[in-house]
N, C-alpha and C. Protein backbone atom coordinates (compact mmCIF):
# COMPACT_ATOMS: atom_id res chain seq x y z
N MET A 1 1.01 -1.10 0.05
CA MET A 1 0.13 -0.08 -0.06
C MET A 1 0.85 1.30 0.07
N LYS A 2 0.63 2.26 -0.83
CA LYS A 2 1.24 3.34 -0.91
C LYS A 2 0.87 4.51 -0.35
N LEU A 3 1.33 5.17 0.72
CA LEU A 3 1.01 6.43 1.48
C LEU A 3 1.25 7.49 0.62
N ASP A 4 0.39 8.58 1.32
CA ASP A 4 0.60 9.92 0.51
C ASP A 4 1.95 10.48 1.21
N ASP A 5 2.41 11.44 0.80
CA ASP A 5 3.93 11.95 0.96
C ASP A 5 3.59 12.62 2.51
N ASP A 6 2.40 13.19 2.87
CA ASP A 6 2.43 13.88 3.96
C ASP A 6 1.61 13.07 4.92
N ALA A 7 1.45 11.81 4.84
CA ALA A 7 0.71 10.80 5.71
C ALA A 7 1.71 10.32 6.79
N VAL A 8 1.35 10.03 7.73
CA VAL A 8 2.08 9.41 8.82
C VAL A 8 1.73 7.96 8.81
N PRO A 9 2.70 7.11 8.92
CA PRO A 9 2.16 5.66 8.91
C PRO A 9 1.72 5.31 10.33
N CYS A 10 0.86 4.24 10.39
CA CYS A 10 0.22 3.94 11.45
C CYS A 10 1.30 3.30 12.44
N ASN A 11 1.21 3.34 13.74
CA ASN A 11 2.09 2.80 14.73
C ASN A 11 1.79 1.44 15.00
N ASN A 12 0.85 0.97 14.80
CA ASN A 12 0.30 -0.55 14.78
C ASN A 12 0.87 -1.49 13.90
N CYS A 13 0.49 -1.04 12.59
CA CYS A 13 0.86 -1.88 11.56
C CYS A 13 2.07 -1.39 10.66
N GLY A 14 2.46 -0.31 10.93
CA GLY A 14 3.84 0.12 10.18
C GLY A 14 3.27 0.51 8.86
N GLY A 15 2.19 1.10 8.63
CA GLY A 15 1.85 1.43 7.53
C GLY A 15 1.29 0.47 6.31
N THR A 16 1.24 -0.62 6.63
CA THR A 16 0.78 -1.91 5.80
C THR A 16 -0.64 -1.99 5.77
N GLY A 17 -1.39 -1.71 6.76
CA GLY A 17 -3.00 -1.85 7.02
C GLY A 17 -3.16 -3.39 7.29
N MET A 18 -2.16 -4.05 7.51
CA MET A 18 -2.49 -5.51 8.10
C MET A 18 -1.83 -5.54 9.46
N ALA A 19 -2.43 -6.32 10.23
CA ALA A 19 -1.82 -6.79 11.62
C ALA A 19 -1.81 -8.40 11.63
N THR A 20 -1.00 -8.86 12.60
CA THR A 20 -1.14 -10.26 13.00
C THR A 20 -2.52 -10.56 13.58
N CYS A 21 -3.13 -11.76 13.46
CA CYS A 21 -4.40 -12.05 14.14
C CYS A 21 -4.00 -12.26 15.68
N GLU A 22 -4.79 -11.72 16.41
CA GLU A 22 -4.56 -12.07 17.66
C GLU A 22 -5.13 -13.35 18.38
N ARG A 23 -6.03 -13.58 17.76
CA ARG A 23 -6.58 -15.14 18.05
C ARG A 23 -5.44 -16.35 17.99
N CYS A 24 -4.89 -16.38 16.63
CA CYS A 24 -3.91 -17.28 16.61
C CYS A 24 -2.60 -17.10 16.33
N ASP A 25 -2.22 -15.86 16.68
CA ASP A 25 -0.85 -15.34 16.49
C ASP A 25 0.05 -15.48 15.33
N GLY A 26 -0.89 -15.65 14.14
CA GLY A 26 -0.42 -15.66 12.70
C GLY A 26 -0.33 -16.99 12.35
N TRP A 27 -0.65 -17.90 13.07
CA TRP A 27 -0.57 -19.27 12.41
C TRP A 27 -1.81 -19.65 11.67
N GLY A 28 -2.91 -19.04 11.69
CA GLY A 28 -4.08 -19.52 10.76
C GLY A 28 -4.88 -20.71 11.42
N ARG A 29 -4.24 -21.15 12.53
CA ARG A 29 -5.04 -22.35 13.09
C ARG A 29 -5.06 -22.06 14.57
N LYS A 30 -6.34 -22.80 15.10
CA LYS A 30 -6.65 -22.48 16.53
C LYS A 30 -5.34 -22.70 17.43
N PRO A 31 -5.09 -21.95 18.29
CA PRO A 31 -3.73 -22.16 19.27
C PRO A 31 -3.60 -23.67 19.76
N GLU A 32 -4.65 -24.07 20.22
CA GLU A 32 -4.64 -25.19 21.21
C GLU A 32 -4.55 -26.43 20.29
N LEU A 33 -4.83 -26.32 18.88
CA LEU A 33 -4.97 -27.51 18.12
C LEU A 33 -3.65 -27.35 17.25
N ALA A 34 -2.67 -26.22 17.24
CA ALA A 34 -1.65 -25.87 16.20
C ALA A 34 -0.70 -27.28 16.40
N GLN A 35 -0.41 -27.68 17.57
CA GLN A 35 0.65 -28.95 17.69
C GLN A 35 -0.04 -29.96 17.14
N ARG A 36 -1.36 -30.19 17.35
CA ARG A 36 -2.03 -31.55 16.53
C ARG A 36 -2.05 -31.56 15.11
N ALA A 37 -1.64 -30.51 14.48
CA ALA A 37 -1.70 -30.27 13.09
C ALA A 37 -0.69 -31.21 12.42
N MET A 38 0.35 -31.67 13.17
CA MET A 38 1.32 -32.46 12.61
C MET A 38 0.80 -34.10 12.46
N LEU A 39 -0.20 -34.27 13.44
CA LEU A 39 -0.84 -35.56 13.26
C LEU A 39 -1.68 -35.59 11.93
N THR A 40 -2.57 -36.84 12.12
CA THR A 40 -3.20 -36.95 10.87
C THR A 40 -4.54 -36.16 11.21
N LEU A 41 -4.82 -35.69 12.23
CA LEU A 41 -6.31 -35.04 12.44
C LEU A 41 -6.27 -33.55 11.49
N PRO A 42 -7.48 -33.35 10.92
CA PRO A 42 -7.64 -32.07 10.27
C PRO A 42 -7.60 -31.07 11.03
N PRO A 43 -6.75 -29.88 10.67
CA PRO A 43 -6.63 -28.83 11.44
C PRO A 43 -7.73 -28.01 11.49
N GLU A 44 -8.11 -27.53 12.79
CA GLU A 44 -9.37 -26.45 12.99
C GLU A 44 -8.85 -25.10 12.66
N TRP A 45 -9.14 -24.39 11.48
CA TRP A 45 -8.76 -23.16 11.09
C TRP A 45 -9.41 -22.04 12.01
N CYS A 46 -8.59 -20.97 12.28
CA CYS A 46 -9.02 -19.58 12.96
C CYS A 46 -10.16 -18.98 12.17
N ALA A 47 -11.00 -18.84 12.84
CA ALA A 47 -12.28 -18.06 12.52
C ALA A 47 -11.97 -16.44 12.37
N GLY A 48 -11.09 -16.16 13.31
CA GLY A 48 -10.81 -14.67 13.59
C GLY A 48 -10.16 -14.14 12.13
N CYS A 49 -9.39 -14.79 11.45
CA CYS A 49 -8.65 -14.38 10.24
C CYS A 49 -8.94 -15.10 9.06
N ARG A 50 -9.86 -16.25 9.40
CA ARG A 50 -10.09 -17.05 8.10
C ARG A 50 -9.14 -17.82 7.75
N ALA A 51 -8.03 -18.30 8.48
CA ALA A 51 -6.84 -18.94 8.44
C ALA A 51 -5.89 -18.40 7.38
N ARG A 52 -5.94 -16.89 7.46
CA ARG A 52 -4.86 -16.15 6.75
C ARG A 52 -3.59 -15.75 7.75
N GLY A 53 -4.12 -15.61 8.87
CA GLY A 53 -2.81 -15.32 9.71
C GLY A 53 -2.64 -13.87 10.03
N TRP A 54 -3.36 -13.09 9.32
CA TRP A 54 -3.55 -11.57 9.55
C TRP A 54 -4.85 -11.05 9.47
N THR A 55 -5.15 -9.91 10.06
CA THR A 55 -6.38 -9.19 9.71
C THR A 55 -6.10 -7.93 9.50
N THR A 56 -7.18 -7.13 9.14
CA THR A 56 -7.11 -5.57 9.04
C THR A 56 -6.75 -5.08 10.43
N CYS A 57 -5.81 -3.97 9.94
CA CYS A 57 -5.31 -3.21 11.34
C CYS A 57 -6.59 -2.34 11.92
N ALA A 58 -6.71 -2.71 13.22
CA ALA A 58 -8.10 -2.20 13.79
C ALA A 58 -7.66 -0.53 14.33
N ARG A 59 -6.38 -0.32 14.38
CA ARG A 59 -6.23 1.08 14.56
C ARG A 59 -6.41 2.06 13.51
N CYS A 60 -5.93 1.64 12.25
CA CYS A 60 -6.05 2.57 10.99
C CYS A 60 -7.19 2.03 10.20
N MET A 61 -7.87 0.86 10.42
CA MET A 61 -8.86 0.33 9.62
C MET A 61 -8.38 0.17 8.20
N GLY A 62 -7.23 -0.49 8.14
CA GLY A 62 -6.54 -0.84 7.03
C GLY A 62 -6.16 0.14 6.07
N THR A 63 -6.09 1.53 6.33
CA THR A 63 -5.78 2.65 5.43
C THR A 63 -3.99 2.63 5.56
N GLY A 64 -3.48 2.31 6.71
CA GLY A 64 -2.04 2.38 6.77
C GLY A 64 -1.61 3.85 7.28
N LYS A 65 -2.63 4.56 7.52
CA LYS A 65 -2.26 6.08 7.94
C LYS A 65 -2.47 6.13 9.33
N GLN A 66 -1.94 7.11 10.08
CA GLN A 66 -2.22 7.05 11.55
C GLN A 66 -3.50 8.15 11.44
N ARG A 67 -4.47 7.57 12.36
CA ARG A 67 -5.77 8.46 12.50
C ARG A 67 -5.82 9.38 13.88
N GLU A 68 -6.38 10.43 13.44
CA GLU A 68 -6.70 11.13 14.56
C GLU A 68 -7.68 10.61 15.43
N PRO A 69 -7.56 10.71 16.90
CA PRO A 69 -8.57 10.31 17.91
C PRO A 69 -9.95 10.85 17.56
N MET A 70 -10.74 9.99 17.88
CA MET A 70 -12.38 10.15 17.61
C MET A 70 -13.19 10.55 18.81
N GLY A 71 -13.99 11.36 18.45
CA GLY A 71 -14.68 11.67 19.93
C GLY A 71 -14.71 13.34 20.13
N PHE A 72 -14.90 13.51 21.35
CA PHE A 72 -14.67 14.80 21.83
C PHE A 72 -14.36 14.90 23.26
N ARG A 73 -13.90 16.02 23.74
CA ARG A 73 -13.31 16.23 25.07
C ARG A 73 -14.25 16.93 25.78
N VAL A 74 -14.73 16.37 27.02
CA VAL A 74 -15.63 17.17 27.77
C VAL A 74 -14.88 18.05 28.76
N PRO A 75 -15.41 19.38 28.77
CA PRO A 75 -14.54 20.12 29.87
C PRO A 75 -14.69 20.09 31.06
N GLU A 76 -13.90 19.98 31.96
CA GLU A 76 -13.89 19.67 33.60
C GLU A 76 -14.38 20.99 34.16
């Protein structure tokens, strides 16, 4: 993904727009069954990333650009 010249890359994904799946740590399989994949049992794929090992970055929503905080401040 190509960023604009004035865009600041996202701190979470480094500007790629993709982040490692937190459910399977990038393996694409359910963590408790990752070791069983070497056996003859069929693997159970991770539903969080659909067996890809990565998801769209939640902080920048896949744009790769650092976003400004959303919302508003309540004066004290």
